[in-house]
Amino acid sequence: MSIINNINKVFDHRIRLGIMSVLMVNEYADFNMLKDLLGATDGNLASHTKALEKAEYISVEKQFIARKPNTRYATTKLGRMEFKKHIEALETLIHKT
């Protein structure tokens, strides 16, 4: 199987790559944390988290904290596995060139 086959189009955008990178090293992250870390707008971040949720790579939990809505995200088992494969494919590609 070709290395290119393990490069996942879902992770093509820098915001999605960033979201997954943050979530791989943290148990979870809330919307504002991701927004601040990635320098994304509300709309941009929302569309990218929706894409990752649709692919079942992240889970979303909505709750209220001190009467304010809070949305937090975590990776799924599938998301962790697919992201690792994606990073390994990129590293292999880099080392072959």
Protein backbone atom coordinates (compact mmCIF):
# COMPACT_ATOMS: atom_id res chain seq x y z
CA MET A 1 0.00 0.00 0.00
CA SER A 2 1.23 3.46 -0.91
CA ILE A 3 2.22 5.98 1.78
CA ILE A 4 -0.12 8.48 0.15
CA ASN A 5 -3.09 6.22 0.96
CA ASN A 6 -2.57 6.88 4.67
CA ILE A 7 -2.62 10.66 4.26
CA ASN A 8 -6.09 11.60 5.43
CA LYS A 9 -7.89 14.42 3.57
CA VAL A 10 -9.92 15.22 6.70
CA PHE A 11 -6.72 16.54 8.31
CA ASP A 12 -5.71 18.65 5.28
CA HIS A 13 -6.61 22.01 6.81
CA ARG A 14 -4.30 23.60 9.38
CA ILE A 15 -7.20 24.25 11.79
CA ARG A 16 -8.24 20.58 11.79
CA LEU A 17 -4.63 19.50 12.15
CA GLY A 18 -4.33 21.93 15.07
CA ILE A 19 -7.54 20.75 16.73
CA MET A 20 -6.38 17.14 16.59
CA SER A 21 -2.87 18.03 17.78
CA VAL A 22 -4.27 19.84 20.83
CA LEU A 23 -6.66 17.00 21.61
CA MET A 24 -3.99 14.32 21.24
CA VAL A 25 -2.03 15.81 24.16
CA ASN A 26 -4.99 16.92 26.29
CA GLU A 27 -7.87 14.82 27.59
CA TYR A 28 -10.21 17.49 26.24
CA ALA A 29 -10.28 21.14 25.18
CA ASP A 30 -13.14 23.61 25.17
CA PHE A 31 -14.15 25.88 22.31
CA ASN A 32 -12.45 29.00 23.71
CA MET A 33 -9.20 27.17 24.43
CA LEU A 34 -9.05 25.87 20.85
CA LYS A 35 -10.00 29.29 19.47
CA ASP A 36 -7.21 31.00 21.43
CA LEU A 37 -4.55 28.37 20.69
CA LEU A 38 -5.31 28.20 16.97
CA GLY A 39 -6.14 31.85 16.33
CA ALA A 40 -9.40 30.85 14.64
CA THR A 41 -12.66 32.75 14.35
CA ASP A 42 -15.81 31.34 15.94
CA GLY A 43 -17.32 30.38 12.58
CA ASN A 44 -14.11 28.88 11.24
CA LEU A 45 -13.52 26.78 14.34
CA ALA A 46 -17.17 25.67 14.44
CA SER A 47 -17.09 24.44 10.83
CA HIS A 48 -13.85 22.49 11.36
CA THR A 49 -15.01 20.88 14.62
CA LYS A 50 -18.24 19.87 12.84
CA ALA A 51 -16.23 18.21 10.06
CA LEU A 52 -14.15 16.26 12.59
CA GLU A 53 -17.30 15.32 14.52
CA LYS A 54 -19.01 14.14 11.31
CA ALA A 55 -15.99 11.92 10.57
CA GLU A 56 -16.37 10.59 14.15
CA TYR A 57 -12.82 11.68 15.02
CA ILE A 58 -13.90 13.88 17.93
CA SER A 59 -16.73 13.82 20.43
CA VAL A 60 -18.59 16.92 21.56
CA GLU A 61 -20.00 17.57 25.02
CA LYS A 62 -22.17 20.61 25.70
CA GLN A 63 -22.81 21.78 29.24
CA PHE A 64 -23.37 24.92 31.29
CA ILE A 65 -20.72 26.30 33.63
CA ALA A 66 -21.92 29.15 35.87
CA ARG A 67 -24.93 29.57 33.56
CA LYS A 68 -22.71 29.98 30.51
CA PRO A 69 -22.73 27.43 27.69
CA ASN A 70 -19.52 25.45 27.38
CA THR A 71 -18.63 23.10 24.54
CA ARG A 72 -15.73 20.75 24.95
CA TYR A 73 -14.14 18.30 22.59
CA ALA A 74 -12.19 15.06 22.95
CA THR A 75 -10.74 12.60 20.47
CA THR A 76 -12.48 9.32 19.80
CA LYS A 77 -10.61 6.04 19.58
CA LEU A 78 -11.08 6.15 15.79
CA GLY A 79 -9.84 9.74 15.66
CA ARG A 80 -6.68 8.93 17.60
CA MET A 81 -5.95 5.93 15.39
CA GLU A 82 -6.54 7.83 12.12
CA PHE A 83 -4.51 10.85 13.25
CA LYS A 84 -1.57 8.65 14.22
CA LYS A 85 -1.69 6.95 10.81
CA HIS A 86 -1.80 10.36 9.12
CA ILE A 87 1.22 11.68 11.06
CA GLU A 88 3.18 8.46 10.44
CA ALA A 89 2.46 8.73 6.69
CA LEU A 90 3.64 12.36 6.65
CA GLU A 91 6.82 11.43 8.54
CA THR A 92 7.51 8.55 6.16
CA LEU A 93 6.96 10.82 3.17
CA ILE A 94 9.32 13.45 4.58
CA HIS A 95 12.05 10.91 5.28
CA LYS A 96 11.81 9.39 1.80
CA THR A 97 12.42 12.71 0.06
